[in-house]
């Protein structure tokens, strides 16, 4: 007698995935393909994992079992340096859109990005400040990453500290309050 898990694995092997995760067009198609996607996740490139997160966010599809497996593969590929800055930023943005922010994935992403902040564009840095505010987790590593985003000169040596965008408290902008209170070093714009 086959176990349910073995039966699911056999069924997943029989389902043909599209050439790209971006080719999945409907919620029901994503649902039908989920077992095969979960099975294939370990073989997906960084680009296909990015496309998977993008498609899931576009279709508003979240399955805990599927994404638990996807998170493992995201973390491995991040640590192995298989993603680029644009891809990890897209993955993080799509996970925030899905409200599927895994703390370990975000920790690995921010640790991987920290030494690369100096080559990140202004737009990428501002997007990360907004993502960090949306995630709402605050660890020492998060604070180090946030400070680097706000203070490391932009490519070409452009000083970021003179830009109001980098000095605003994105927690305050997003929620109307600041978890750091009076000890916050960033600007709280008038409402």
N, C-alpha and C. Protein backbone atom coordinates (compact mmCIF):
# COMPACT_ATOMS: atom_id res chain seq x y z
N UNK A 1 0.85 -1.19 0.00
CA UNK A 1 0.00 0.00 0.00
C UNK A 1 0.88 1.24 0.00
N UNK A 2 0.57 2.21 -0.87
CA UNK A 2 1.33 3.45 -0.97
C UNK A 2 0.88 4.43 0.09
N UNK A 3 1.84 5.12 0.67
CA UNK A 3 1.46 6.17 1.61
C UNK A 3 0.94 7.36 0.82
N UNK A 4 0.23 8.25 1.49
CA UNK A 4 -0.30 9.44 0.82
C UNK A 4 0.83 10.29 0.26
N UNK A 5 1.94 10.43 1.02
CA UNK A 5 3.07 11.22 0.57
C UNK A 5 3.70 10.61 -0.67
N UNK A 6 3.87 9.30 -0.69
CA UNK A 6 4.44 8.63 -1.86
C UNK A 6 3.51 8.80 -3.05
N UNK A 7 2.22 8.67 -2.84
CA UNK A 7 1.25 8.87 -3.91
C UNK A 7 1.30 10.28 -4.46
N UNK A 8 1.45 11.28 -3.58
CA UNK A 8 1.58 12.67 -4.02
C UNK A 8 2.85 12.86 -4.86
N UNK A 9 3.95 12.24 -4.44
CA UNK A 9 5.21 12.36 -5.16
C UNK A 9 5.10 11.74 -6.55
N UNK A 10 4.44 10.57 -6.65
CA UNK A 10 4.26 9.93 -7.95
C UNK A 10 3.38 10.80 -8.84
N UNK A 11 2.32 11.35 -8.28
CA UNK A 11 1.43 12.22 -9.06
C UNK A 11 2.17 13.47 -9.52
N UNK A 12 3.01 14.04 -8.67
CA UNK A 12 3.77 15.24 -9.01
C UNK A 12 4.71 14.98 -10.18
N UNK A 13 5.28 13.77 -10.24
CA UNK A 13 6.20 13.44 -11.31
C UNK A 13 5.48 13.37 -12.66
N UNK A 14 4.21 13.07 -12.66
CA UNK A 14 3.45 12.92 -13.89
C UNK A 14 2.95 14.25 -14.44
N UNK A 15 2.91 15.29 -13.62
CA UNK A 15 2.41 16.60 -14.04
C UNK A 15 3.53 17.34 -14.76
N UNK A 16 3.23 17.83 -15.93
CA UNK A 16 4.21 18.58 -16.72
C UNK A 16 4.15 20.06 -16.35
N UNK A 17 5.26 20.60 -15.88
CA UNK A 17 5.33 22.02 -15.55
C UNK A 17 5.55 22.84 -16.82
N UNK A 18 5.07 24.09 -16.82
CA UNK A 18 5.35 24.96 -17.97
C UNK A 18 6.85 25.28 -18.05
N UNK A 19 7.26 25.81 -19.18
CA UNK A 19 8.68 26.15 -19.38
C UNK A 19 9.18 27.15 -18.33
N UNK A 20 8.30 28.04 -17.90
CA UNK A 20 8.64 29.03 -16.88
C UNK A 20 7.48 29.15 -15.90
N UNK A 21 7.82 29.41 -14.66
CA UNK A 21 6.78 29.61 -13.65
C UNK A 21 5.92 30.82 -14.02
N UNK A 22 6.48 31.76 -14.77
CA UNK A 22 5.72 32.95 -15.20
C UNK A 22 4.59 32.60 -16.17
N UNK A 23 4.66 31.41 -16.76
CA UNK A 23 3.63 30.98 -17.71
C UNK A 23 2.37 30.48 -17.02
N UNK A 24 2.41 30.33 -15.71
CA UNK A 24 1.20 29.92 -14.97
C UNK A 24 0.29 31.13 -14.90
N UNK A 25 -0.93 30.97 -15.39
CA UNK A 25 -1.80 32.13 -15.57
C UNK A 25 -2.94 32.25 -14.58
N UNK A 26 -3.34 31.16 -13.93
CA UNK A 26 -4.50 31.24 -13.03
C UNK A 26 -4.20 30.61 -11.69
N UNK A 27 -4.98 31.04 -10.71
CA UNK A 27 -4.87 30.47 -9.37
C UNK A 27 -5.09 28.96 -9.42
N UNK A 28 -6.12 28.52 -10.15
CA UNK A 28 -6.43 27.09 -10.20
C UNK A 28 -5.32 26.29 -10.87
N UNK A 29 -4.67 26.88 -11.88
CA UNK A 29 -3.55 26.20 -12.52
C UNK A 29 -2.39 26.06 -11.53
N UNK A 30 -2.13 27.12 -10.77
CA UNK A 30 -1.06 27.07 -9.77
C UNK A 30 -1.39 26.00 -8.73
N UNK A 31 -2.62 25.96 -8.29
CA UNK A 31 -3.05 24.96 -7.31
C UNK A 31 -2.84 23.55 -7.86
N UNK A 32 -3.25 23.32 -9.09
CA UNK A 32 -3.11 22.00 -9.71
C UNK A 32 -1.64 21.60 -9.84
N UNK A 33 -0.78 22.57 -10.13
CA UNK A 33 0.65 22.30 -10.34
C UNK A 33 1.47 22.27 -9.04
N UNK A 34 0.88 22.68 -7.93
CA UNK A 34 1.62 22.81 -6.67
C UNK A 34 2.44 21.58 -6.28
N UNK A 35 1.89 20.37 -6.34
CA UNK A 35 2.72 19.21 -5.97
C UNK A 35 3.96 19.07 -6.87
N UNK A 36 3.79 19.30 -8.15
CA UNK A 36 4.92 19.20 -9.07
C UNK A 36 5.91 20.34 -8.84
N UNK A 37 5.40 21.54 -8.54
CA UNK A 37 6.28 22.68 -8.25
C UNK A 37 7.11 22.38 -7.01
N UNK A 38 6.46 21.86 -5.98
CA UNK A 38 7.17 21.54 -4.74
C UNK A 38 8.26 20.51 -5.02
N UNK A 39 7.95 19.51 -5.83
CA UNK A 39 8.92 18.48 -6.17
C UNK A 39 10.07 19.06 -6.99
N UNK A 40 9.77 20.00 -7.88
CA UNK A 40 10.79 20.57 -8.77
C UNK A 40 11.59 21.69 -8.12
N UNK A 41 11.13 22.23 -7.01
CA UNK A 41 11.78 23.41 -6.40
C UNK A 41 13.26 23.20 -6.14
N UNK A 42 13.62 22.01 -5.75
CA UNK A 42 15.03 21.76 -5.43
C UNK A 42 15.93 21.83 -6.68
N UNK A 43 15.35 21.72 -7.85
CA UNK A 43 16.12 21.79 -9.10
C UNK A 43 15.98 23.14 -9.80
N UNK A 44 15.21 24.03 -9.24
CA UNK A 44 14.98 25.33 -9.89
C UNK A 44 16.18 26.24 -9.70
N UNK A 45 16.46 26.99 -10.76
CA UNK A 45 17.51 28.00 -10.69
C UNK A 45 17.01 29.18 -9.86
N UNK A 46 17.91 30.09 -9.56
CA UNK A 46 17.53 31.31 -8.84
C UNK A 46 16.49 32.09 -9.65
N UNK A 47 16.65 32.12 -10.98
CA UNK A 47 15.71 32.83 -11.83
C UNK A 47 14.32 32.20 -11.75
N UNK A 48 14.24 30.87 -11.76
CA UNK A 48 12.94 30.20 -11.69
C UNK A 48 12.31 30.33 -10.30
N UNK A 49 13.12 30.33 -9.24
CA UNK A 49 12.57 30.56 -7.90
C UNK A 49 12.03 31.99 -7.79
N UNK A 50 12.72 32.93 -8.42
CA UNK A 50 12.23 34.31 -8.46
C UNK A 50 10.91 34.37 -9.21
N UNK A 51 10.84 33.68 -10.35
CA UNK A 51 9.60 33.64 -11.14
C UNK A 51 8.47 32.96 -10.37
N UNK A 52 8.80 31.94 -9.61
CA UNK A 52 7.80 31.25 -8.78
C UNK A 52 7.20 32.22 -7.76
N UNK A 53 8.05 32.97 -7.07
CA UNK A 53 7.55 33.94 -6.08
C UNK A 53 6.75 35.04 -6.75
N UNK A 54 7.21 35.50 -7.90
CA UNK A 54 6.50 36.55 -8.66
C UNK A 54 5.10 36.07 -9.06
N UNK A 55 5.03 34.84 -9.58
CA UNK A 55 3.75 34.31 -10.04
C UNK A 55 2.81 34.07 -8.87
N UNK A 56 3.34 33.54 -7.78
CA UNK A 56 2.50 33.32 -6.60
C UNK A 56 1.93 34.65 -6.10
N UNK A 57 2.74 35.70 -6.07
CA UNK A 57 2.26 37.01 -5.63
C UNK A 57 1.22 37.56 -6.61
N UNK A 58 1.48 37.43 -7.91
CA UNK A 58 0.55 37.93 -8.91
C UNK A 58 -0.81 37.24 -8.81
N UNK A 59 -0.80 35.93 -8.53
CA UNK A 59 -2.04 35.16 -8.44
C UNK A 59 -2.60 35.10 -7.02
N UNK A 60 -1.88 35.73 -6.06
CA UNK A 60 -2.28 35.70 -4.64
C UNK A 60 -2.40 34.26 -4.14
N UNK A 61 -1.40 33.44 -4.50
CA UNK A 61 -1.41 32.03 -4.14
C UNK A 61 -0.37 31.77 -3.06
N UNK A 62 -0.82 31.22 -1.94
CA UNK A 62 0.11 30.81 -0.88
C UNK A 62 -0.33 29.46 -0.35
N UNK A 63 0.60 28.54 -0.32
CA UNK A 63 0.39 27.23 0.28
C UNK A 63 1.57 27.00 1.23
N UNK A 64 1.26 26.83 2.51
CA UNK A 64 2.30 26.70 3.52
C UNK A 64 3.29 25.58 3.25
N UNK A 65 2.79 24.43 2.84
CA UNK A 65 3.66 23.28 2.58
C UNK A 65 4.59 23.56 1.40
N UNK A 66 4.03 24.12 0.35
CA UNK A 66 4.85 24.45 -0.82
C UNK A 66 5.93 25.47 -0.45
N UNK A 67 5.53 26.55 0.23
CA UNK A 67 6.50 27.60 0.51
C UNK A 67 7.50 27.20 1.59
N UNK A 68 7.15 26.29 2.45
CA UNK A 68 8.14 25.78 3.41
C UNK A 68 9.29 25.13 2.64
N UNK A 69 8.95 24.35 1.60
CA UNK A 69 9.99 23.74 0.76
C UNK A 69 10.73 24.80 -0.05
N UNK A 70 10.00 25.76 -0.60
CA UNK A 70 10.62 26.82 -1.39
C UNK A 70 11.59 27.63 -0.53
N UNK A 71 11.21 27.93 0.71
CA UNK A 71 12.08 28.70 1.60
C UNK A 71 13.43 28.00 1.80
N UNK A 72 13.42 26.68 1.95
CA UNK A 72 14.67 25.93 2.12
C UNK A 72 15.58 26.15 0.91
N UNK A 73 15.01 26.05 -0.28
CA UNK A 73 15.80 26.19 -1.50
C UNK A 73 16.23 27.65 -1.73
N UNK A 74 15.38 28.58 -1.37
CA UNK A 74 15.78 30.00 -1.44
C UNK A 74 16.98 30.25 -0.55
N UNK A 75 16.90 29.78 0.68
CA UNK A 75 17.99 30.02 1.63
C UNK A 75 19.30 29.42 1.14
N UNK A 76 19.25 28.20 0.63
CA UNK A 76 20.47 27.56 0.12
C UNK A 76 21.07 28.35 -1.03
N UNK A 77 20.26 28.74 -1.98
CA UNK A 77 20.77 29.45 -3.15
C UNK A 77 21.25 30.85 -2.80
N UNK A 78 20.61 31.47 -1.81
CA UNK A 78 21.09 32.78 -1.35
C UNK A 78 22.48 32.61 -0.74
N UNK A 79 22.62 31.65 0.17
CA UNK A 79 23.91 31.43 0.83
C UNK A 79 25.00 31.03 -0.16
N UNK A 80 24.63 30.33 -1.23
CA UNK A 80 25.60 29.92 -2.26
C UNK A 80 25.88 31.02 -3.26
N UNK A 81 25.22 32.17 -3.11
CA UNK A 81 25.47 33.30 -4.00
C UNK A 81 24.91 33.13 -5.40
N UNK A 82 23.83 32.36 -5.54
CA UNK A 82 23.27 32.11 -6.87
C UNK A 82 22.26 33.17 -7.31
N UNK A 83 21.87 34.04 -6.41
CA UNK A 83 20.96 35.14 -6.74
C UNK A 83 21.78 36.40 -6.97
N UNK A 84 21.22 37.34 -7.71
CA UNK A 84 21.82 38.66 -7.79
C UNK A 84 20.94 39.62 -6.98
N UNK A 85 21.37 40.85 -6.85
CA UNK A 85 20.66 41.82 -6.02
C UNK A 85 19.23 42.04 -6.51
N UNK A 86 19.06 42.14 -7.81
CA UNK A 86 17.72 42.36 -8.37
C UNK A 86 16.80 41.18 -8.05
N UNK A 87 17.31 39.98 -8.15
CA UNK A 87 16.50 38.79 -7.87
C UNK A 87 16.11 38.70 -6.39
N UNK A 88 17.06 38.89 -5.47
CA UNK A 88 16.69 38.77 -4.05
C UNK A 88 15.74 39.89 -3.65
N UNK A 89 15.89 41.05 -4.27
CA UNK A 89 14.96 42.15 -3.98
C UNK A 89 13.56 41.80 -4.49
N UNK A 90 13.49 41.22 -5.67
CA UNK A 90 12.18 40.81 -6.21
C UNK A 90 11.56 39.71 -5.36
N UNK A 91 12.34 38.71 -4.97
CA UNK A 91 11.82 37.63 -4.12
C UNK A 91 11.26 38.21 -2.82
N UNK A 92 12.04 39.06 -2.18
CA UNK A 92 11.59 39.64 -0.91
C UNK A 92 10.32 40.45 -1.09
N UNK A 93 10.27 41.24 -2.14
CA UNK A 93 9.08 42.05 -2.42
C UNK A 93 7.85 41.17 -2.65
N UNK A 94 8.01 40.11 -3.42
CA UNK A 94 6.88 39.21 -3.69
C UNK A 94 6.44 38.48 -2.42
N UNK A 95 7.39 38.09 -1.57
CA UNK A 95 7.02 37.42 -0.33
C UNK A 95 6.28 38.38 0.61
N UNK A 96 6.70 39.63 0.64
CA UNK A 96 5.98 40.63 1.44
C UNK A 96 4.56 40.80 0.88
N UNK A 97 4.44 40.87 -0.44
CA UNK A 97 3.11 40.99 -1.06
C UNK A 97 2.20 39.83 -0.68
N UNK A 98 2.79 38.64 -0.54
CA UNK A 98 2.02 37.44 -0.16
C UNK A 98 1.81 37.33 1.35
N UNK A 99 2.45 38.22 2.10
CA UNK A 99 2.47 38.11 3.56
C UNK A 99 3.06 36.76 3.97
N UNK A 100 4.11 36.38 3.27
CA UNK A 100 4.78 35.10 3.49
C UNK A 100 6.25 35.34 3.80
N UNK A 101 6.51 36.17 4.78
CA UNK A 101 7.88 36.55 5.09
C UNK A 101 8.47 35.58 6.10
N UNK A 102 9.34 34.73 5.62
CA UNK A 102 10.02 33.78 6.49
C UNK A 102 11.22 34.48 7.12
N UNK A 103 11.31 34.49 8.45
CA UNK A 103 12.40 35.24 9.11
C UNK A 103 13.79 34.75 8.71
N UNK A 104 13.94 33.44 8.50
CA UNK A 104 15.26 32.92 8.13
C UNK A 104 15.65 33.32 6.72
N UNK A 105 14.69 33.34 5.80
CA UNK A 105 14.98 33.80 4.43
C UNK A 105 15.41 35.26 4.48
N UNK A 106 14.67 36.09 5.21
CA UNK A 106 15.01 37.51 5.27
C UNK A 106 16.35 37.73 5.96
N UNK A 107 16.64 36.96 6.98
CA UNK A 107 17.95 37.09 7.64
C UNK A 107 19.06 36.73 6.66
N UNK A 108 18.90 35.63 5.92
CA UNK A 108 19.93 35.23 4.96
C UNK A 108 20.08 36.27 3.86
N UNK A 109 18.97 36.82 3.39
CA UNK A 109 19.03 37.84 2.33
C UNK A 109 19.77 39.07 2.83
N UNK A 110 19.40 39.56 4.01
CA UNK A 110 20.03 40.79 4.50
C UNK A 110 21.51 40.56 4.80
N UNK A 111 21.87 39.39 5.31
CA UNK A 111 23.28 39.09 5.55
C UNK A 111 24.05 39.02 4.24
N UNK A 112 23.43 38.46 3.20
CA UNK A 112 24.07 38.37 1.90
C UNK A 112 24.20 39.77 1.27
N UNK A 113 23.17 40.60 1.44
CA UNK A 113 23.18 41.95 0.85
C UNK A 113 24.11 42.92 1.58
N UNK A 114 24.30 42.75 2.88
CA UNK A 114 25.04 43.73 3.68
C UNK A 114 26.38 44.11 3.05
N UNK A 115 27.25 43.17 2.65
CA UNK A 115 28.51 43.61 2.04
C UNK A 115 28.35 44.15 0.61
N UNK A 116 27.15 44.07 0.05
CA UNK A 116 26.90 44.54 -1.31
C UNK A 116 26.13 45.86 -1.36
N UNK A 117 25.85 46.44 -0.21
CA UNK A 117 25.06 47.67 -0.16
C UNK A 117 25.71 48.76 -1.01
N UNK A 118 27.02 48.83 -1.04
CA UNK A 118 27.72 49.87 -1.79
C UNK A 118 27.47 49.83 -3.28
N UNK A 119 27.01 48.70 -3.82
CA UNK A 119 26.73 48.63 -5.26
C UNK A 119 25.23 48.67 -5.55
N UNK A 120 24.42 48.81 -4.51
CA UNK A 120 22.97 48.89 -4.69
C UNK A 120 22.58 50.31 -5.12
N UNK A 121 21.63 50.38 -6.03
CA UNK A 121 21.14 51.68 -6.48
C UNK A 121 20.30 52.34 -5.38
N UNK A 122 20.04 53.61 -5.57
CA UNK A 122 19.18 54.34 -4.63
C UNK A 122 17.80 53.70 -4.58
N UNK A 123 17.24 53.35 -5.74
CA UNK A 123 15.91 52.74 -5.79
C UNK A 123 15.89 51.40 -5.05
N UNK A 124 16.92 50.59 -5.23
CA UNK A 124 16.97 49.30 -4.52
C UNK A 124 17.06 49.51 -3.02
N UNK A 125 17.87 50.47 -2.60
CA UNK A 125 18.00 50.72 -1.16
C UNK A 125 16.69 51.21 -0.55
N UNK A 126 16.03 52.14 -1.25
CA UNK A 126 14.75 52.64 -0.73
C UNK A 126 13.71 51.52 -0.69
N UNK A 127 13.73 50.66 -1.70
CA UNK A 127 12.80 49.52 -1.68
C UNK A 127 13.08 48.62 -0.49
N UNK A 128 14.35 48.38 -0.18
CA UNK A 128 14.69 47.55 0.97
C UNK A 128 14.30 48.21 2.30
N UNK A 129 14.46 49.51 2.39
CA UNK A 129 14.02 50.19 3.62
C UNK A 129 12.52 50.00 3.82
N UNK A 130 11.76 50.10 2.75
CA UNK A 130 10.31 49.90 2.83
C UNK A 130 9.99 48.44 3.14
N UNK A 131 10.72 47.50 2.55
CA UNK A 131 10.50 46.08 2.84
C UNK A 131 10.80 45.77 4.30
N UNK A 132 11.88 46.34 4.81
CA UNK A 132 12.24 46.10 6.21
C UNK A 132 11.16 46.63 7.14
N UNK A 133 10.59 47.77 6.80
CA UNK A 133 9.50 48.33 7.61
C UNK A 133 8.27 47.43 7.51
N UNK A 134 8.00 46.89 6.34
CA UNK A 134 6.82 46.03 6.15
C UNK A 134 6.97 44.72 6.91
N UNK A 135 8.18 44.18 6.93
CA UNK A 135 8.42 42.92 7.63
C UNK A 135 8.31 43.12 9.14
N UNK A 136 8.83 44.26 9.61
CA UNK A 136 8.67 44.61 11.00
C UNK A 136 9.52 43.86 12.00
N UNK A 137 10.41 43.02 11.55
CA UNK A 137 11.29 42.29 12.48
C UNK A 137 12.51 43.14 12.74
N UNK A 138 12.93 43.17 13.96
CA UNK A 138 14.10 43.96 14.32
C UNK A 138 15.09 43.10 15.11
N UNK A 139 16.19 42.77 14.45
CA UNK A 139 17.30 42.07 15.08
C UNK A 139 18.52 42.95 14.90
N UNK A 140 19.60 42.63 15.58
CA UNK A 140 20.81 43.43 15.43
C UNK A 140 21.28 43.46 13.98
N UNK A 141 21.17 42.28 13.30
CA UNK A 141 21.59 42.23 11.90
C UNK A 141 20.71 43.14 11.04
N UNK A 142 19.42 43.19 11.34
CA UNK A 142 18.51 44.06 10.59
C UNK A 142 18.92 45.52 10.75
N UNK A 143 19.26 45.91 11.97
CA UNK A 143 19.65 47.29 12.22
C UNK A 143 20.94 47.63 11.49
N UNK A 144 21.91 46.71 11.50
CA UNK A 144 23.16 46.94 10.77
C UNK A 144 22.89 47.13 9.28
N UNK A 145 22.01 46.30 8.73
CA UNK A 145 21.65 46.39 7.32
C UNK A 145 20.95 47.71 7.04
N UNK A 146 20.02 48.10 7.90
CA UNK A 146 19.29 49.35 7.71
C UNK A 146 20.24 50.55 7.75
N UNK A 147 21.15 50.56 8.69
CA UNK A 147 22.12 51.66 8.79
C UNK A 147 22.99 51.70 7.54
N UNK A 148 23.43 50.54 7.07
CA UNK A 148 24.24 50.50 5.84
C UNK A 148 23.45 51.03 4.65
N UNK A 149 22.17 50.65 4.54
CA UNK A 149 21.34 51.14 3.44
C UNK A 149 21.25 52.66 3.47
N UNK A 150 21.18 53.23 4.67
CA UNK A 150 20.97 54.66 4.83
C UNK A 150 22.25 55.49 4.75
N UNK A 151 23.41 54.87 5.04
CA UNK A 151 24.62 55.69 5.19
C UNK A 151 25.75 55.36 4.22
N UNK A 152 25.78 54.19 3.61
CA UNK A 152 26.85 53.84 2.68
C UNK A 152 26.70 54.67 1.41
N UNK A 153 27.77 55.30 0.96
CA UNK A 153 27.67 56.10 -0.26
C UNK A 153 27.14 55.27 -1.43
N UNK A 154 26.37 55.92 -2.28
CA UNK A 154 25.84 55.27 -3.48
C UNK A 154 26.99 55.03 -4.46
N UNK A 155 26.78 54.15 -5.45
CA UNK A 155 27.81 53.97 -6.47
C UNK A 155 28.19 55.33 -7.06
N UNK A 156 29.47 55.53 -7.25
CA UNK A 156 29.95 56.82 -7.74
C UNK A 156 30.30 57.77 -6.60
N UNK A 157 30.16 57.29 -5.35
CA UNK A 157 30.52 58.09 -4.19
C UNK A 157 29.50 59.12 -3.77
N UNK A 158 28.29 59.04 -4.27
CA UNK A 158 27.25 60.01 -3.92
C UNK A 158 26.82 59.80 -2.47
N UNK A 159 26.84 60.88 -1.71
CA UNK A 159 26.47 60.84 -0.29
C UNK A 159 24.96 60.69 -0.14
N UNK A 160 24.53 59.69 0.60
CA UNK A 160 23.09 59.47 0.78
C UNK A 160 22.53 60.23 1.97
N UNK A 161 23.37 60.65 2.88
CA UNK A 161 22.86 61.29 4.09
C UNK A 161 22.21 62.63 3.83
N UNK A 162 22.46 63.19 2.64
CA UNK A 162 21.82 64.47 2.32
C UNK A 162 20.42 64.27 1.71
N UNK A 163 20.03 63.03 1.47
CA UNK A 163 18.73 62.74 0.86
C UNK A 163 17.70 62.46 1.94
N UNK A 164 16.60 63.20 1.91
CA UNK A 164 15.53 63.00 2.89
C UNK A 164 14.97 61.58 2.83
N UNK A 165 14.96 60.99 1.63
CA UNK A 165 14.43 59.64 1.47
C UNK A 165 15.13 58.64 2.40
N UNK A 166 16.43 58.80 2.58
CA UNK A 166 17.18 57.86 3.39
C UNK A 166 17.09 58.15 4.88
N UNK A 167 16.71 59.34 5.23
CA UNK A 167 16.69 59.70 6.64
C UNK A 167 15.30 59.58 7.27
N UNK A 168 14.28 59.26 6.48
CA UNK A 168 12.93 59.13 7.01
C UNK A 168 12.76 57.75 7.66
N UNK A 169 11.96 57.69 8.69
CA UNK A 169 11.65 56.43 9.36
C UNK A 169 10.53 55.75 8.57
N UNK A 170 10.88 54.67 7.87
CA UNK A 170 9.89 54.00 7.03
C UNK A 170 8.85 53.26 7.85
N UNK A 171 9.18 52.88 9.07
CA UNK A 171 8.16 52.30 9.97
C UNK A 171 7.07 53.34 10.23
N UNK A 172 7.51 54.57 10.52
CA UNK A 172 6.57 55.65 10.81
C UNK A 172 5.72 55.98 9.58
N UNK A 173 6.37 56.03 8.41
CA UNK A 173 5.64 56.33 7.18
C UNK A 173 4.60 55.26 6.91
N UNK A 174 4.97 53.99 7.11
CA UNK A 174 4.08 52.89 6.79
C UNK A 174 2.92 52.75 7.77
N UNK A 175 3.20 52.91 9.07
CA UNK A 175 2.18 52.61 10.08
C UNK A 175 1.68 53.81 10.86
N UNK A 176 2.40 54.92 10.80
CA UNK A 176 2.02 56.08 11.58
C UNK A 176 2.58 56.06 12.99
N UNK A 177 3.35 55.01 13.31
CA UNK A 177 4.03 54.95 14.60
C UNK A 177 5.40 54.33 14.40
N UNK A 178 6.22 54.46 15.41
CA UNK A 178 7.59 53.96 15.32
C UNK A 178 7.87 53.03 16.49
N UNK A 179 8.34 51.83 16.23
CA UNK A 179 8.61 50.89 17.33
C UNK A 179 9.79 51.32 18.20
N UNK A 180 10.62 52.24 17.71
CA UNK A 180 11.78 52.69 18.48
C UNK A 180 11.47 53.90 19.37
N UNK A 181 10.32 54.52 19.15
CA UNK A 181 9.90 55.65 19.98
C UNK A 181 10.89 56.79 19.91
N UNK A 182 11.14 57.40 21.08
CA UNK A 182 12.03 58.55 21.16
C UNK A 182 13.48 58.23 20.82
N UNK A 183 13.85 56.95 20.86
CA UNK A 183 15.23 56.58 20.58
C UNK A 183 15.50 56.42 19.07
N UNK A 184 14.49 56.64 18.23
CA UNK A 184 14.66 56.49 16.77
C UNK A 184 15.57 57.60 16.25
N UNK A 185 16.51 57.21 15.45
CA UNK A 185 17.46 58.17 14.87
C UNK A 185 16.98 58.78 13.56
N UNK A 186 15.84 58.29 13.04
CA UNK A 186 15.37 58.71 11.73
C UNK A 186 14.25 59.75 11.86
N UNK A 187 14.00 60.49 10.81
CA UNK A 187 13.00 61.56 10.81
C UNK A 187 11.58 61.00 10.75
N UNK A 188 10.70 61.59 11.55
CA UNK A 188 9.28 61.25 11.53
C UNK A 188 8.53 62.43 10.91
N UNK A 189 8.20 62.32 9.61
CA UNK A 189 7.56 63.46 8.94
C UNK A 189 6.19 63.77 9.52
N UNK A 190 5.82 65.04 9.45
CA UNK A 190 4.50 65.45 9.93
C UNK A 190 3.44 64.79 9.06
N UNK A 191 2.32 64.45 9.69
CA UNK A 191 1.24 63.77 8.96
C UNK A 191 0.46 64.72 8.11
